[in-house]
């Protein structure tokens, strides 16, 4: 996936809209940086394999951590 950071140590999946139409994928790197992508789930099923991510997901972009 474009923008996927190196050193990922954690992954979170979150329903992005109601009803379930997309999925937010957030990754945490070993240096504490967060990046996120959104994947569309309501399109016709894609073929299996790596094409799913590049066809139905945006590239990863850095995000700020929520305040503690």
PDB file of N, CA and C in Angstrom:
ATOM      1  N   UNK A   1       0.839  -1.181   0.000  1.00  0.00           N
ATOM      2  CA  UNK A   1       0.000   0.000   0.000  1.00  0.00           C
ATOM      3  C   UNK A   1       0.880   1.239   0.000  1.00  0.00           C
ATOM      4  N   UNK A   2       0.532   2.206  -0.804  1.00  0.00           N
ATOM      5  CA  UNK A   2       1.299   3.456  -0.788  1.00  0.00           C
ATOM      6  C   UNK A   2       1.267   4.094   0.593  1.00  0.00           C
ATOM      7  N   UNK A   3       2.422   4.575   1.041  1.00  0.00           N
ATOM      8  CA  UNK A   3       2.510   5.260   2.320  1.00  0.00           C
ATOM      9  C   UNK A   3       2.600   4.362   3.537  1.00  0.00           C
ATOM     10  N   UNK A   4       2.586   3.020   3.357  1.00  0.00           N
ATOM     11  CA  UNK A   4       2.666   2.131   4.521  1.00  0.00           C
ATOM     12  C   UNK A   4       4.005   2.356   5.203  1.00  0.00           C
ATOM     13  N   UNK A   5       3.996   2.743   6.488  1.00  0.00           N
ATOM     14  CA  UNK A   5       5.255   3.082   7.161  1.00  0.00           C
ATOM     15  C   UNK A   5       6.065   1.839   7.537  1.00  0.00           C
ATOM     16  N   UNK A   6       7.354   2.053   7.731  1.00  0.00           N
ATOM     17  CA  UNK A   6       8.206   0.965   8.216  1.00  0.00           C
ATOM     18  C   UNK A   6       8.131   0.916   9.733  1.00  0.00           C
ATOM     19  N   UNK A   7       8.434  -0.217  10.291  1.00  0.00           N
ATOM     20  CA  UNK A   7       8.480  -0.370  11.740  1.00  0.00           C
ATOM     21  C   UNK A   7       7.123  -0.461  12.416  1.00  0.00           C
ATOM     22  N   UNK A   8       6.113  -0.969  11.720  1.00  0.00           N
ATOM     23  CA  UNK A   8       4.779  -1.086  12.324  1.00  0.00           C
ATOM     24  C   UNK A   8       4.796  -2.127  13.438  1.00  0.00           C
ATOM     25  N   UNK A   9       4.266  -1.722  14.609  1.00  0.00           N
ATOM     26  CA  UNK A   9       4.202  -2.624  15.762  1.00  0.00           C
ATOM     27  C   UNK A   9       2.773  -2.855  16.249  1.00  0.00           C
ATOM     28  N   UNK A  10       1.801  -2.129  15.666  1.00  0.00           N
ATOM     29  CA  UNK A  10       0.409  -2.302  16.077  1.00  0.00           C
ATOM     30  C   UNK A  10      -0.535  -1.907  14.968  1.00  0.00           C
ATOM     31  N   UNK A  11      -1.696  -2.569  14.930  1.00  0.00           N
ATOM     32  CA  UNK A  11      -2.709  -2.308  13.904  1.00  0.00           C
ATOM     33  C   UNK A  11      -4.073  -2.251  14.582  1.00  0.00           C
ATOM     34  N   UNK A  12      -4.898  -1.282  14.160  1.00  0.00           N
ATOM     35  CA  UNK A  12      -6.260  -1.150  14.663  1.00  0.00           C
ATOM     36  C   UNK A  12      -7.216  -1.079  13.479  1.00  0.00           C
ATOM     37  N   UNK A  13      -8.334  -1.806  13.578  1.00  0.00           N
ATOM     38  CA  UNK A  13      -9.383  -1.769  12.553  1.00  0.00           C
ATOM     39  C   UNK A  13     -10.633  -1.187  13.191  1.00  0.00           C
ATOM     40  N   UNK A  14     -11.239  -0.195  12.512  1.00  0.00           N
ATOM     41  CA  UNK A  14     -12.411   0.488  13.051  1.00  0.00           C
ATOM     42  C   UNK A  14     -13.448   0.676  11.961  1.00  0.00           C
ATOM     43  N   UNK A  15     -14.703   0.401  12.283  1.00  0.00           N
ATOM     44  CA  UNK A  15     -15.800   0.675  11.346  1.00  0.00           C
ATOM     45  C   UNK A  15     -15.853   2.182  11.140  1.00  0.00           C
ATOM     46  N   UNK A  16     -15.833   2.623   9.875  1.00  0.00           N
ATOM     47  CA  UNK A  16     -15.737   4.052   9.588  1.00  0.00           C
ATOM     48  C   UNK A  16     -17.080   4.728   9.412  1.00  0.00           C
ATOM     49  N   UNK A  17     -18.112   4.016   9.063  1.00  0.00           N
ATOM     50  CA  UNK A  17     -19.420   4.640   8.821  1.00  0.00           C
ATOM     51  C   UNK A  17     -20.521   3.659   9.188  1.00  0.00           C
ATOM     52  N   UNK A  18     -21.696   4.201   9.457  1.00  0.00           N
ATOM     53  CA  UNK A  18     -22.846   3.358   9.809  1.00  0.00           C
ATOM     54  C   UNK A  18     -23.885   3.496   8.717  1.00  0.00           C
ATOM     55  N   UNK A  19     -24.391   2.516   8.087  1.00  0.00           N
ATOM     56  CA  UNK A  19     -24.000   1.123   8.271  1.00  0.00           C
ATOM     57  C   UNK A  19     -22.610   0.884   7.703  1.00  0.00           C
ATOM     58  N   UNK A  20     -22.051  -0.232   8.052  1.00  0.00           N
ATOM     59  CA  UNK A  20     -20.679  -0.547   7.668  1.00  0.00           C
ATOM     60  C   UNK A  20     -20.473  -0.376   6.159  1.00  0.00           C
ATOM     61  N   UNK A  21     -19.748   0.665   5.781  1.00  0.00           N
ATOM     62  CA  UNK A  21     -19.454   0.893   4.367  1.00  0.00           C
ATOM     63  C   UNK A  21     -17.966   1.045   4.115  1.00  0.00           C
ATOM     64  N   UNK A  22     -17.218   1.317   5.166  1.00  0.00           N
ATOM     65  CA  UNK A  22     -15.767   1.413   5.015  1.00  0.00           C
ATOM     66  C   UNK A  22     -15.090   1.048   6.332  1.00  0.00           C
ATOM     67  N   UNK A  23     -13.819   0.792   6.234  1.00  0.00           N
ATOM     68  CA  UNK A  23     -13.023   0.339   7.364  1.00  0.00           C
ATOM     69  C   UNK A  23     -11.809   1.245   7.470  1.00  0.00           C
ATOM     70  N   UNK A  24     -11.544   1.775   8.668  1.00  0.00           N
ATOM     71  CA  UNK A  24     -10.331   2.547   8.909  1.00  0.00           C
ATOM     72  C   UNK A  24      -9.262   1.605   9.442  1.00  0.00           C
ATOM     73  N   UNK A  25      -8.093   1.646   8.842  1.00  0.00           N
ATOM     74  CA  UNK A  25      -6.962   0.854   9.300  1.00  0.00           C
ATOM     75  C   UNK A  25      -5.906   1.833   9.788  1.00  0.00           C
ATOM     76  N   UNK A  26      -5.591   1.756  11.086  1.00  0.00           N
ATOM     77  CA  UNK A  26      -4.606   2.645  11.695  1.00  0.00           C
ATOM     78  C   UNK A  26      -3.430   1.799  12.145  1.00  0.00           C
ATOM     79  N   UNK A  27      -2.213   2.260  11.850  1.00  0.00           N
ATOM     80  CA  UNK A  27      -1.006   1.535  12.254  1.00  0.00           C
ATOM     81  C   UNK A  27      -0.145   2.432  13.132  1.00  0.00           C
ATOM     82  N   UNK A  28       0.525   1.823  14.101  1.00  0.00           N
ATOM     83  CA  UNK A  28       1.442   2.488  15.015  1.00  0.00           C
ATOM     84  C   UNK A  28       2.839   1.963  14.742  1.00  0.00           C
ATOM     85  N   UNK A  29       3.819   2.872  14.619  1.00  0.00           N
ATOM     86  CA  UNK A  29       5.200   2.452  14.389  1.00  0.00           C
ATOM     87  C   UNK A  29       5.978   2.426  15.699  1.00  0.00           C
ATOM     88  N   UNK A  30       7.131   1.824  15.667  1.00  0.00           N
ATOM     89  CA  UNK A  30       7.959   1.697  16.874  1.00  0.00           C
ATOM     90  C   UNK A  30       8.410   3.053  17.403  1.00  0.00           C
ATOM     91  N   UNK A  31       8.386   4.110  16.575  1.00  0.00           N
ATOM     92  CA  UNK A  31       8.764   5.441  17.067  1.00  0.00           C
ATOM     93  C   UNK A  31       7.547   6.268  17.495  1.00  0.00           C
ATOM     94  N   UNK A  32       6.356   5.642  17.549  1.00  0.00           N
ATOM     95  CA  UNK A  32       5.157   6.289  18.045  1.00  0.00           C
ATOM     96  C   UNK A  32       4.339   7.038  17.008  1.00  0.00           C
ATOM     97  N   UNK A  33       4.700   6.948  15.732  1.00  0.00           N
ATOM     98  CA  UNK A  33       3.954   7.633  14.674  1.00  0.00           C
ATOM     99  C   UNK A  33       2.717   6.816  14.288  1.00  0.00           C
ATOM    100  N   UNK A  34       1.622   7.518  13.964  1.00  0.00           N
ATOM    101  CA  UNK A  34       0.388   6.883  13.514  1.00  0.00           C
ATOM    102  C   UNK A  34       0.133   7.209  12.045  1.00  0.00           C
ATOM    103  N   UNK A  35      -0.335   6.231  11.300  1.00  0.00           N
ATOM    104  CA  UNK A  35      -0.766   6.431   9.919  1.00  0.00           C
ATOM    105  C   UNK A  35      -2.083   5.704   9.735  1.00  0.00           C
ATOM    106  N   UNK A  36      -2.879   6.164   8.761  1.00  0.00           N
ATOM    107  CA  UNK A  36      -4.214   5.589   8.586  1.00  0.00           C
ATOM    108  C   UNK A  36      -4.603   5.547   7.116  1.00  0.00           C
ATOM    109  N   UNK A  37      -5.427   4.560   6.775  1.00  0.00           N
ATOM    110  CA  UNK A  37      -6.041   4.468   5.462  1.00  0.00           C
ATOM    111  C   UNK A  37      -7.511   4.116   5.650  1.00  0.00           C
ATOM    112  N   UNK A  38      -8.308   4.372   4.625  1.00  0.00           N
ATOM    113  CA  UNK A  38      -9.720   3.983   4.622  1.00  0.00           C
ATOM    114  C   UNK A  38      -9.950   3.051   3.448  1.00  0.00           C
ATOM    115  N   UNK A  39     -10.607   1.926   3.707  1.00  0.00           N
ATOM    116  CA  UNK A  39     -10.910   0.944   2.670  1.00  0.00           C
ATOM    117  C   UNK A  39     -12.421   0.844   2.492  1.00  0.00           C
ATOM    118  N   UNK A  40     -12.874   0.905   1.264  1.00  0.00           N
ATOM    119  CA  UNK A  40     -14.293   0.822   0.940  1.00  0.00           C
ATOM    120  C   UNK A  40     -14.717  -0.649   0.942  1.00  0.00           C
ATOM    121  N   UNK A  41     -15.826  -0.939   1.621  1.00  0.00           N
ATOM    122  CA  UNK A  41     -16.303  -2.319   1.721  1.00  0.00           C
ATOM    123  C   UNK A  41     -17.590  -2.564   0.937  1.00  0.00           C
ATOM    124  N   UNK A  42     -18.228  -1.515   0.432  1.00  0.00           N
ATOM    125  CA  UNK A  42     -19.531  -1.693  -0.200  1.00  0.00           C
ATOM    126  C   UNK A  42     -19.456  -1.887  -1.711  1.00  0.00           C
ATOM    127  N   UNK A  43     -18.266  -1.856  -2.284  1.00  0.00           N
ATOM    128  CA  UNK A  43     -18.108  -2.096  -3.717  1.00  0.00           C
ATOM    129  C   UNK A  43     -18.265  -3.596  -3.986  1.00  0.00           C
ATOM    130  N   UNK A  44     -18.463  -3.994  -5.239  1.00  0.00           N
ATOM    131  CA  UNK A  44     -18.540  -5.431  -5.550  1.00  0.00           C
ATOM    132  C   UNK A  44     -17.275  -6.144  -5.069  1.00  0.00           C
ATOM    133  N   UNK A  45     -17.392  -7.375  -4.671  1.00  0.00           N
ATOM    134  CA  UNK A  45     -16.215  -8.096  -4.162  1.00  0.00           C
ATOM    135  C   UNK A  45     -15.089  -8.107  -5.192  1.00  0.00           C
ATOM    136  N   UNK A  46     -13.891  -7.735  -4.760  1.00  0.00           N
ATOM    137  CA  UNK A  46     -12.742  -7.776  -5.668  1.00  0.00           C
ATOM    138  C   UNK A  46     -12.188  -9.192  -5.774  1.00  0.00           C
ATOM    139  N   UNK A  47     -11.318  -9.409  -6.727  1.00  0.00           N
ATOM    140  CA  UNK A  47     -10.657 -10.720  -6.780  1.00  0.00           C
ATOM    141  C   UNK A  47      -9.744 -10.873  -5.566  1.00  0.00           C
ATOM    142  N   UNK A  48      -9.507 -12.085  -5.115  1.00  0.00           N
ATOM    143  CA  UNK A  48      -8.619 -12.268  -3.968  1.00  0.00           C
ATOM    144  C   UNK A  48      -7.195 -11.840  -4.316  1.00  0.00           C
ATOM    145  N   UNK A  49      -6.441 -11.475  -3.294  1.00  0.00           N
ATOM    146  CA  UNK A  49      -5.037 -11.125  -3.494  1.00  0.00           C
ATOM    147  C   UNK A  49      -4.756  -9.665  -3.243  1.00  0.00           C
ATOM    148  N   UNK A  50      -3.512  -9.215  -3.530  1.00  0.00           N
ATOM    149  CA  UNK A  50      -3.083  -7.862  -3.209  1.00  0.00           C
ATOM    150  C   UNK A  50      -3.866  -6.767  -3.930  1.00  0.00           C
ATOM    151  N   UNK A  51      -4.548  -7.069  -5.030  1.00  0.00           N
ATOM    152  CA  UNK A  51      -5.294  -6.047  -5.762  1.00  0.00           C
ATOM    153  C   UNK A  51      -6.386  -5.431  -4.895  1.00  0.00           C
ATOM    154  N   UNK A  52      -6.887  -6.160  -3.888  1.00  0.00           N
ATOM    155  CA  UNK A  52      -7.940  -5.603  -3.045  1.00  0.00           C
ATOM    156  C   UNK A  52      -7.471  -4.302  -2.393  1.00  0.00           C
ATOM    157  N   UNK A  53      -6.306  -4.310  -1.778  1.00  0.00           N
ATOM    158  CA  UNK A  53      -5.823  -3.122  -1.082  1.00  0.00           C
ATOM    159  C   UNK A  53      -5.627  -1.939  -2.004  1.00  0.00           C
ATOM    160  N   UNK A  54      -4.960  -2.126  -3.121  1.00  0.00           N
ATOM    161  CA  UNK A  54      -4.670  -1.000  -3.997  1.00  0.00           C
ATOM    162  C   UNK A  54      -5.905  -0.521  -4.737  1.00  0.00           C
ATOM    163  N   UNK A  55      -6.894  -1.359  -4.918  1.00  0.00           N
ATOM    164  CA  UNK A  55      -8.112  -0.977  -5.634  1.00  0.00           C
ATOM    165  C   UNK A  55      -9.136  -0.323  -4.725  1.00  0.00           C
ATOM    166  N   UNK A  56      -9.273  -0.794  -3.509  1.00  0.00           N
ATOM    167  CA  UNK A  56     -10.348  -0.368  -2.621  1.00  0.00           C
ATOM    168  C   UNK A  56      -9.897   0.457  -1.422  1.00  0.00           C
ATOM    169  N   UNK A  57      -8.587   0.679  -1.266  1.00  0.00           N
ATOM    170  CA  UNK A  57      -8.073   1.449  -0.132  1.00  0.00           C
ATOM    171  C   UNK A  57      -7.291   2.666  -0.610  1.00  0.00           C
ATOM    172  N   UNK A  58      -7.366   3.748   0.166  1.00  0.00           N
ATOM    173  CA  UNK A  58      -6.521   4.911  -0.079  1.00  0.00           C
ATOM    174  C   UNK A  58      -5.117   4.586   0.417  1.00  0.00           C
ATOM    175  N   UNK A  59      -4.133   5.381   0.026  1.00  0.00           N
ATOM    176  CA  UNK A  59      -2.792   5.234   0.582  1.00  0.00           C
ATOM    177  C   UNK A  59      -2.784   5.635   2.049  1.00  0.00           C
ATOM    178  N   UNK A  60      -1.817   5.150   2.800  1.00  0.00           N
ATOM    179  CA  UNK A  60      -1.678   5.526   4.212  1.00  0.00           C
ATOM    180  C   UNK A  60      -1.188   6.970   4.299  1.00  0.00           C
ATOM    181  N   UNK A  61      -1.748   7.716   5.252  1.00  0.00           N
ATOM    182  CA  UNK A  61      -1.307   9.079   5.519  1.00  0.00           C
ATOM    183  C   UNK A  61      -1.052   9.228   7.014  1.00  0.00           C
ATOM    184  N   UNK A  62      -0.051  10.013   7.394  1.00  0.00           N
ATOM    185  CA  UNK A  62       0.228  10.233   8.826  1.00  0.00           C
ATOM    186  C   UNK A  62      -0.936  10.964   9.481  1.00  0.00           C
ATOM    187  N   UNK A  63      -1.204  10.635  10.738  1.00  0.00           N
ATOM    188  CA  UNK A  63      -2.232  11.332  11.523  1.00  0.00           C
ATOM    189  C   UNK A  63      -1.643  11.684  12.878  1.00  0.00           C
ATOM    190  N   UNK A  64      -2.232  12.672  13.532  1.00  0.00           N
ATOM    191  CA  UNK A  64      -1.812  13.044  14.882  1.00  0.00           C
ATOM    192  C   UNK A  64      -2.512  12.146  15.892  1.00  0.00           C
ATOM    193  N   UNK A  65      -1.804  11.841  16.960  1.00  0.00           N
ATOM    194  CA  UNK A  65      -2.399  11.041  18.032  1.00  0.00           C
ATOM    195  C   UNK A  65      -3.442  11.881  18.753  1.00  0.00           C
ATOM    196  N   UNK A  66      -4.538  11.256  19.196  1.00  0.00           N
ATOM    197  CA  UNK A  66      -5.544  12.015  19.967  1.00  0.00           C
ATOM    198  C   UNK A  66      -4.935  12.485  21.289  1.00  0.00           C
ATOM    199  N   UNK A  67      -5.419  13.584  21.829  1.00  0.00           N
ATOM    200  CA  UNK A  67      -4.888  14.047  23.118  1.00  0.00           C
ATOM    201  C   UNK A  67      -5.159  13.041  24.226  1.00  0.00           C
ATOM    202  N   UNK A  68      -4.235  12.955  25.151  1.00  0.00           N
ATOM    203  CA  UNK A  68      -4.371  11.993  26.265  1.00  0.00           C
ATOM    204  C   UNK A  68      -5.340  12.479  27.307  1.00  0.00           C
TER     205      UNK A  68
END
